[in-house]
């Protein structure tokens, strides 16, 4: 199995942990998180990631500005915007800035899986993921 790596940039510890557990269930083996935009950018200096999850409302930088920086530093890493501010403006900006997906909080694990399957060819499907909202697929 290919190694999947993810970077989660979100100031909410509960959201980071929910994403971490969901990604582990989906077969991700290396998951790094950051609670500020600056920490997220520092993580990109150390490694490339298969996917980046980005909150728009961060304490040190707005996610819209950070999205441009992430795409400049890691152009091949899909960036998925995860936000509680589900507005038309945020969606429009995210798409125009090159986001690979846009997920409104609260989100389901099934939504994360769907976004990953659209953006990563090697994302595994769990055999059973009951309790996480996934339906078994054959």
N, C-alpha and C. Protein backbone atom coordinates (compact mmCIF):
# COMPACT_ATOMS: atom_id res chain seq x y z
N UNK A 1 0.84 -1.17 0.00
CA UNK A 1 0.00 0.00 0.00
C UNK A 1 0.89 1.24 0.00
N UNK A 2 0.49 2.24 -0.76
CA UNK A 2 1.22 3.49 -0.78
C UNK A 2 1.06 4.20 0.56
N UNK A 3 2.08 4.96 0.93
CA UNK A 3 2.01 5.76 2.13
C UNK A 3 1.28 7.05 1.80
N UNK A 4 0.24 7.35 2.54
CA UNK A 4 -0.48 8.60 2.37
C UNK A 4 -0.10 9.54 3.49
N UNK A 5 0.19 10.79 3.13
CA UNK A 5 0.56 11.79 4.11
C UNK A 5 -0.42 12.95 4.04
N UNK A 6 -0.70 13.51 5.20
CA UNK A 6 -1.65 14.63 5.26
C UNK A 6 -1.16 15.67 6.25
N UNK A 7 -1.45 16.93 5.93
CA UNK A 7 -1.20 18.05 6.82
C UNK A 7 -2.56 18.68 7.13
N UNK A 8 -2.85 18.85 8.41
CA UNK A 8 -4.09 19.47 8.86
C UNK A 8 -3.73 20.80 9.51
N UNK A 9 -4.28 21.89 8.97
CA UNK A 9 -4.04 23.22 9.54
C UNK A 9 -5.38 23.76 10.02
N UNK A 10 -5.57 23.71 11.34
CA UNK A 10 -6.83 24.14 11.95
C UNK A 10 -6.56 24.50 13.39
N UNK A 11 -7.12 25.59 13.88
CA UNK A 11 -6.88 26.00 15.26
C UNK A 11 -7.76 25.27 16.26
N UNK A 12 -8.71 24.48 15.78
CA UNK A 12 -9.63 23.75 16.65
C UNK A 12 -9.09 22.33 16.87
N UNK A 13 -8.69 22.03 18.11
CA UNK A 13 -8.10 20.72 18.42
C UNK A 13 -9.07 19.58 18.16
N UNK A 14 -10.36 19.80 18.39
CA UNK A 14 -11.35 18.74 18.16
C UNK A 14 -11.45 18.40 16.68
N UNK A 15 -11.45 19.41 15.84
CA UNK A 15 -11.51 19.19 14.38
C UNK A 15 -10.25 18.48 13.91
N UNK A 16 -9.10 18.91 14.42
CA UNK A 16 -7.84 18.24 14.04
C UNK A 16 -7.89 16.77 14.40
N UNK A 17 -8.37 16.46 15.59
CA UNK A 17 -8.42 15.06 16.03
C UNK A 17 -9.43 14.26 15.22
N UNK A 18 -10.58 14.85 14.92
CA UNK A 18 -11.58 14.17 14.10
C UNK A 18 -11.01 13.86 12.71
N UNK A 19 -10.35 14.83 12.11
CA UNK A 19 -9.72 14.59 10.80
C UNK A 19 -8.63 13.53 10.91
N UNK A 20 -7.82 13.61 11.96
CA UNK A 20 -6.74 12.63 12.16
C UNK A 20 -7.31 11.21 12.24
N UNK A 21 -8.34 11.01 13.05
CA UNK A 21 -8.93 9.68 13.21
C UNK A 21 -9.56 9.20 11.90
N UNK A 22 -10.22 10.09 11.19
CA UNK A 22 -10.83 9.73 9.91
C UNK A 22 -9.76 9.32 8.91
N UNK A 23 -8.69 10.09 8.84
CA UNK A 23 -7.62 9.78 7.89
C UNK A 23 -6.92 8.46 8.25
N UNK A 24 -6.74 8.19 9.53
CA UNK A 24 -6.17 6.91 9.94
C UNK A 24 -7.06 5.76 9.49
N UNK A 25 -8.35 5.92 9.67
CA UNK A 25 -9.30 4.90 9.24
C UNK A 25 -9.23 4.67 7.73
N UNK A 26 -8.90 5.72 6.99
CA UNK A 26 -8.80 5.63 5.54
C UNK A 26 -7.42 5.15 5.07
N UNK A 27 -6.54 4.84 6.00
CA UNK A 27 -5.25 4.27 5.63
C UNK A 27 -4.09 5.25 5.59
N UNK A 28 -4.29 6.47 6.03
CA UNK A 28 -3.18 7.41 6.07
C UNK A 28 -2.23 7.02 7.19
N UNK A 29 -0.94 7.01 6.89
CA UNK A 29 0.03 6.55 7.88
C UNK A 29 0.83 7.69 8.50
N UNK A 30 0.86 8.84 7.85
CA UNK A 30 1.63 9.97 8.38
C UNK A 30 0.76 11.22 8.33
N UNK A 31 0.33 11.67 9.50
CA UNK A 31 -0.56 12.82 9.61
C UNK A 31 0.07 13.83 10.55
N UNK A 32 0.24 15.03 10.05
CA UNK A 32 0.84 16.10 10.84
C UNK A 32 -0.20 17.20 10.97
N UNK A 33 -0.24 17.84 12.14
CA UNK A 33 -1.18 18.94 12.26
C UNK A 33 -0.51 20.20 12.77
N UNK A 34 -1.17 21.32 12.54
CA UNK A 34 -0.69 22.63 12.95
C UNK A 34 -1.89 23.45 13.36
N UNK A 35 -1.72 24.24 14.45
CA UNK A 35 -2.86 25.05 14.88
C UNK A 35 -2.76 26.51 14.46
N UNK A 36 -1.73 26.85 13.68
CA UNK A 36 -1.62 28.18 13.09
C UNK A 36 -1.15 28.05 11.65
N UNK A 37 -1.36 29.09 10.89
CA UNK A 37 -0.88 29.10 9.52
C UNK A 37 0.63 29.05 9.45
N UNK A 38 1.29 29.77 10.34
CA UNK A 38 2.76 29.79 10.38
C UNK A 38 3.31 28.39 10.62
N UNK A 39 2.72 27.66 11.57
CA UNK A 39 3.17 26.30 11.84
C UNK A 39 2.94 25.40 10.63
N UNK A 40 1.83 25.61 9.94
CA UNK A 40 1.56 24.83 8.73
C UNK A 40 2.60 25.06 7.66
N UNK A 41 2.98 26.31 7.46
CA UNK A 41 4.01 26.62 6.47
C UNK A 41 5.35 26.01 6.87
N UNK A 42 5.66 26.02 8.16
CA UNK A 42 6.90 25.39 8.63
C UNK A 42 6.90 23.89 8.33
N UNK A 43 5.76 23.25 8.48
CA UNK A 43 5.67 21.81 8.18
C UNK A 43 5.95 21.52 6.71
N UNK A 44 5.58 22.45 5.84
CA UNK A 44 5.85 22.25 4.41
C UNK A 44 7.33 22.34 4.08
N UNK A 45 8.11 22.98 4.93
CA UNK A 45 9.55 23.04 4.71
C UNK A 45 10.19 21.68 4.93
N UNK A 46 9.55 20.85 5.77
CA UNK A 46 10.11 19.55 6.13
C UNK A 46 9.71 18.42 5.19
N UNK A 47 8.57 18.56 4.53
CA UNK A 47 8.03 17.43 3.77
C UNK A 47 6.94 17.89 2.83
N UNK A 48 6.72 17.10 1.78
CA UNK A 48 5.57 17.29 0.91
C UNK A 48 4.44 16.40 1.41
N UNK A 49 3.21 16.81 1.17
CA UNK A 49 2.06 16.06 1.65
C UNK A 49 1.16 15.68 0.49
N UNK A 50 0.50 14.53 0.62
CA UNK A 50 -0.43 14.09 -0.41
C UNK A 50 -1.70 14.94 -0.42
N UNK A 51 -2.06 15.48 0.73
CA UNK A 51 -3.24 16.33 0.85
C UNK A 51 -3.05 17.27 2.04
N UNK A 52 -3.61 18.48 1.91
CA UNK A 52 -3.57 19.46 2.99
C UNK A 52 -5.01 19.88 3.29
N UNK A 53 -5.38 19.84 4.56
CA UNK A 53 -6.69 20.33 5.01
C UNK A 53 -6.46 21.69 5.66
N UNK A 54 -7.22 22.69 5.25
CA UNK A 54 -7.00 24.06 5.68
C UNK A 54 -8.28 24.71 6.19
N UNK A 55 -8.23 25.20 7.43
CA UNK A 55 -9.31 26.01 7.97
C UNK A 55 -9.11 27.44 7.48
N UNK A 56 -10.20 28.15 7.21
CA UNK A 56 -10.08 29.53 6.74
C UNK A 56 -9.86 30.52 7.89
N UNK A 57 -10.37 30.22 9.07
CA UNK A 57 -10.26 31.14 10.20
C UNK A 57 -9.17 30.67 11.15
N UNK A 58 -7.99 31.23 10.98
CA UNK A 58 -6.84 30.89 11.82
C UNK A 58 -6.44 32.11 12.64
N UNK A 59 -5.78 31.90 13.79
CA UNK A 59 -5.48 33.04 14.65
C UNK A 59 -4.43 34.00 14.10
N UNK A 60 -3.55 33.52 13.22
CA UNK A 60 -2.44 34.37 12.78
C UNK A 60 -2.53 34.83 11.33
N UNK A 61 -3.32 34.16 10.52
CA UNK A 61 -3.44 34.53 9.10
C UNK A 61 -4.77 33.99 8.59
N UNK A 62 -5.40 34.76 7.73
CA UNK A 62 -6.67 34.26 7.18
C UNK A 62 -6.35 33.15 6.17
N UNK A 63 -7.17 32.14 6.18
CA UNK A 63 -6.95 30.98 5.31
C UNK A 63 -6.93 31.31 3.83
N UNK A 64 -7.62 32.37 3.43
CA UNK A 64 -7.61 32.74 2.01
C UNK A 64 -6.20 33.16 1.58
N UNK A 65 -5.52 33.91 2.43
CA UNK A 65 -4.14 34.30 2.13
C UNK A 65 -3.21 33.09 2.19
N UNK A 66 -3.44 32.25 3.20
CA UNK A 66 -2.61 31.06 3.38
C UNK A 66 -2.79 30.08 2.22
N UNK A 67 -3.98 29.99 1.67
CA UNK A 67 -4.23 29.09 0.54
C UNK A 67 -3.31 29.43 -0.63
N UNK A 68 -3.15 30.71 -0.93
CA UNK A 68 -2.24 31.12 -2.00
C UNK A 68 -0.80 30.70 -1.69
N UNK A 69 -0.38 30.87 -0.44
CA UNK A 69 0.97 30.50 -0.05
C UNK A 69 1.19 28.99 -0.13
N UNK A 70 0.19 28.23 0.29
CA UNK A 70 0.30 26.77 0.22
C UNK A 70 0.42 26.30 -1.22
N UNK A 71 -0.41 26.86 -2.10
CA UNK A 71 -0.36 26.46 -3.52
C UNK A 71 0.97 26.85 -4.15
N UNK A 72 1.56 27.96 -3.71
CA UNK A 72 2.86 28.37 -4.25
C UNK A 72 3.98 27.44 -3.77
N UNK A 73 3.91 27.01 -2.52
CA UNK A 73 4.96 26.17 -1.94
C UNK A 73 4.78 24.68 -2.23
N UNK A 74 3.54 24.26 -2.42
CA UNK A 74 3.26 22.84 -2.65
C UNK A 74 2.22 22.72 -3.77
N UNK A 75 2.61 23.07 -5.00
CA UNK A 75 1.62 23.12 -6.09
C UNK A 75 0.97 21.78 -6.44
N UNK A 76 1.61 20.68 -6.09
CA UNK A 76 1.02 19.38 -6.43
C UNK A 76 0.17 18.79 -5.30
N UNK A 77 0.18 19.43 -4.14
CA UNK A 77 -0.62 18.93 -3.02
C UNK A 77 -2.02 19.53 -3.07
N UNK A 78 -3.06 18.68 -3.18
CA UNK A 78 -4.41 19.22 -3.15
C UNK A 78 -4.69 19.84 -1.78
N UNK A 79 -5.30 21.02 -1.79
CA UNK A 79 -5.68 21.69 -0.55
C UNK A 79 -7.20 21.64 -0.45
N UNK A 80 -7.68 21.09 0.65
CA UNK A 80 -9.11 20.99 0.92
C UNK A 80 -9.45 22.00 2.01
N UNK A 81 -10.32 22.95 1.68
CA UNK A 81 -10.74 23.96 2.65
C UNK A 81 -11.83 23.35 3.54
N UNK A 82 -11.64 23.48 4.85
CA UNK A 82 -12.60 22.99 5.84
C UNK A 82 -12.96 24.19 6.70
N UNK A 83 -14.23 24.62 6.65
CA UNK A 83 -14.59 25.84 7.36
C UNK A 83 -16.00 25.80 7.93
N UNK A 84 -16.17 26.54 9.02
CA UNK A 84 -17.51 26.73 9.59
C UNK A 84 -18.20 27.90 8.92
N UNK A 85 -17.44 28.66 8.15
CA UNK A 85 -17.96 29.84 7.46
C UNK A 85 -18.30 29.47 6.03
N UNK A 86 -19.40 28.76 5.88
CA UNK A 86 -19.85 28.22 4.60
C UNK A 86 -20.63 29.29 3.84
N UNK A 87 -19.88 30.20 3.22
CA UNK A 87 -20.52 31.27 2.46
C UNK A 87 -20.20 31.11 0.98
N UNK A 88 -21.01 31.73 0.16
CA UNK A 88 -20.77 31.71 -1.28
C UNK A 88 -19.43 32.36 -1.59
N UNK A 89 -19.11 33.43 -0.87
CA UNK A 89 -17.83 34.12 -1.11
C UNK A 89 -16.64 33.21 -0.79
N UNK A 90 -16.71 32.51 0.33
CA UNK A 90 -15.61 31.60 0.70
C UNK A 90 -15.48 30.46 -0.31
N UNK A 91 -16.59 29.91 -0.73
CA UNK A 91 -16.57 28.84 -1.72
C UNK A 91 -15.98 29.34 -3.03
N UNK A 92 -16.47 30.49 -3.49
CA UNK A 92 -15.99 31.05 -4.76
C UNK A 92 -14.49 31.34 -4.70
N UNK A 93 -14.04 31.97 -3.62
CA UNK A 93 -12.62 32.26 -3.49
C UNK A 93 -11.80 30.99 -3.47
N UNK A 94 -12.24 30.02 -2.69
CA UNK A 94 -11.48 28.77 -2.55
C UNK A 94 -11.29 28.08 -3.89
N UNK A 95 -12.36 28.02 -4.67
CA UNK A 95 -12.28 27.38 -5.99
C UNK A 95 -11.36 28.17 -6.90
N UNK A 96 -11.50 29.50 -6.91
CA UNK A 96 -10.66 30.33 -7.77
C UNK A 96 -9.18 30.25 -7.37
N UNK A 97 -8.92 30.07 -6.09
CA UNK A 97 -7.54 30.00 -5.61
C UNK A 97 -6.92 28.62 -5.79
N UNK A 98 -7.71 27.66 -6.26
CA UNK A 98 -7.15 26.35 -6.57
C UNK A 98 -7.42 25.27 -5.54
N UNK A 99 -8.35 25.50 -4.62
CA UNK A 99 -8.67 24.45 -3.65
C UNK A 99 -9.24 23.23 -4.37
N UNK A 100 -8.85 22.07 -3.89
CA UNK A 100 -9.32 20.81 -4.49
C UNK A 100 -10.70 20.43 -3.97
N UNK A 101 -11.11 21.02 -2.86
CA UNK A 101 -12.41 20.72 -2.28
C UNK A 101 -12.77 21.73 -1.23
N UNK A 102 -14.03 21.75 -0.87
CA UNK A 102 -14.56 22.69 0.13
C UNK A 102 -15.53 21.92 0.99
N UNK A 103 -15.23 21.84 2.29
CA UNK A 103 -16.07 21.08 3.21
C UNK A 103 -16.54 22.01 4.33
N UNK A 104 -17.84 22.01 4.56
CA UNK A 104 -18.40 22.81 5.64
C UNK A 104 -18.38 22.02 6.94
N UNK A 105 -18.06 22.71 8.04
CA UNK A 105 -18.14 22.11 9.37
C UNK A 105 -19.56 22.28 9.87
N UNK A 106 -20.11 21.33 10.56
CA UNK A 106 -19.55 20.01 10.83
C UNK A 106 -19.61 19.14 9.59
N UNK A 107 -18.72 18.20 9.47
CA UNK A 107 -18.63 17.34 8.30
C UNK A 107 -18.69 15.90 8.72
N UNK A 108 -18.96 15.05 7.75
CA UNK A 108 -18.98 13.61 8.01
C UNK A 108 -17.70 12.98 7.48
N UNK A 109 -17.37 11.84 8.03
CA UNK A 109 -16.21 11.10 7.54
C UNK A 109 -16.43 10.70 6.09
N UNK A 110 -17.67 10.42 5.72
CA UNK A 110 -17.97 10.07 4.33
C UNK A 110 -17.65 11.20 3.37
N UNK A 111 -17.84 12.43 3.80
CA UNK A 111 -17.50 13.58 2.95
C UNK A 111 -15.99 13.67 2.75
N UNK A 112 -15.24 13.41 3.81
CA UNK A 112 -13.77 13.40 3.70
C UNK A 112 -13.34 12.31 2.72
N UNK A 113 -13.91 11.13 2.86
CA UNK A 113 -13.57 10.03 1.98
C UNK A 113 -13.88 10.38 0.53
N UNK A 114 -15.02 10.99 0.30
CA UNK A 114 -15.41 11.36 -1.06
C UNK A 114 -14.44 12.36 -1.68
N UNK A 115 -14.08 13.37 -0.93
CA UNK A 115 -13.12 14.37 -1.42
C UNK A 115 -11.78 13.72 -1.73
N UNK A 116 -11.32 12.83 -0.85
CA UNK A 116 -10.04 12.17 -1.08
C UNK A 116 -10.08 11.27 -2.31
N UNK A 117 -11.18 10.56 -2.50
CA UNK A 117 -11.28 9.67 -3.66
C UNK A 117 -11.25 10.47 -4.96
N UNK A 118 -11.74 11.70 -4.94
CA UNK A 118 -11.71 12.54 -6.13
C UNK A 118 -10.32 13.09 -6.40
N UNK A 119 -9.50 13.21 -5.36
CA UNK A 119 -8.21 13.88 -5.50
C UNK A 119 -6.99 13.00 -5.39
N UNK A 120 -7.14 11.82 -4.81
CA UNK A 120 -5.99 10.92 -4.65
C UNK A 120 -6.34 9.57 -5.24
N UNK A 121 -5.55 9.13 -6.18
CA UNK A 121 -5.86 7.85 -6.84
C UNK A 121 -5.61 6.65 -5.94
N UNK A 122 -4.79 6.81 -4.88
CA UNK A 122 -4.45 5.65 -4.04
C UNK A 122 -5.16 5.67 -2.70
N UNK A 123 -6.24 6.44 -2.55
CA UNK A 123 -6.97 6.45 -1.28
C UNK A 123 -7.75 5.16 -1.14
N UNK A 124 -7.48 4.39 -0.10
CA UNK A 124 -8.18 3.13 0.07
C UNK A 124 -9.61 3.33 0.57
N UNK A 125 -10.44 2.36 0.31
CA UNK A 125 -11.78 2.34 0.88
C UNK A 125 -11.76 1.37 2.04
N UNK A 126 -12.24 1.79 3.20
CA UNK A 126 -12.26 0.84 4.32
C UNK A 126 -13.25 -0.27 4.05
N UNK A 127 -12.91 -1.47 4.50
CA UNK A 127 -13.80 -2.61 4.31
C UNK A 127 -15.09 -2.40 5.08
N UNK A 128 -14.97 -1.95 6.31
CA UNK A 128 -16.15 -1.64 7.10
C UNK A 128 -15.89 -0.33 7.81
N UNK A 129 -16.80 0.56 7.68
CA UNK A 129 -16.66 1.85 8.33
C UNK A 129 -17.97 2.27 8.96
N UNK A 130 -18.69 1.29 9.47
CA UNK A 130 -19.95 1.59 10.13
C UNK A 130 -19.66 2.45 11.36
N UNK A 131 -20.57 3.32 11.63
CA UNK A 131 -20.37 4.24 12.73
C UNK A 131 -19.69 5.53 12.30
N UNK A 132 -19.12 5.52 11.12
CA UNK A 132 -18.54 6.72 10.56
C UNK A 132 -19.39 7.25 9.42
N UNK A 133 -20.53 6.63 9.15
CA UNK A 133 -21.42 7.15 8.14
C UNK A 133 -21.14 6.65 6.74
N UNK A 134 -20.25 5.68 6.57
CA UNK A 134 -19.97 5.18 5.25
C UNK A 134 -20.86 3.98 4.96
N UNK A 135 -21.27 3.89 3.74
CA UNK A 135 -22.01 2.71 3.31
C UNK A 135 -21.01 1.75 2.69
N UNK A 136 -21.22 0.48 2.88
CA UNK A 136 -20.34 -0.51 2.26
C UNK A 136 -20.54 -0.49 0.77
N UNK A 137 -19.44 -0.49 0.02
CA UNK A 137 -19.51 -0.52 -1.44
C UNK A 137 -18.80 -1.75 -1.94
N UNK A 138 -19.35 -2.32 -2.98
CA UNK A 138 -18.72 -3.50 -3.56
C UNK A 138 -18.02 -3.14 -4.83
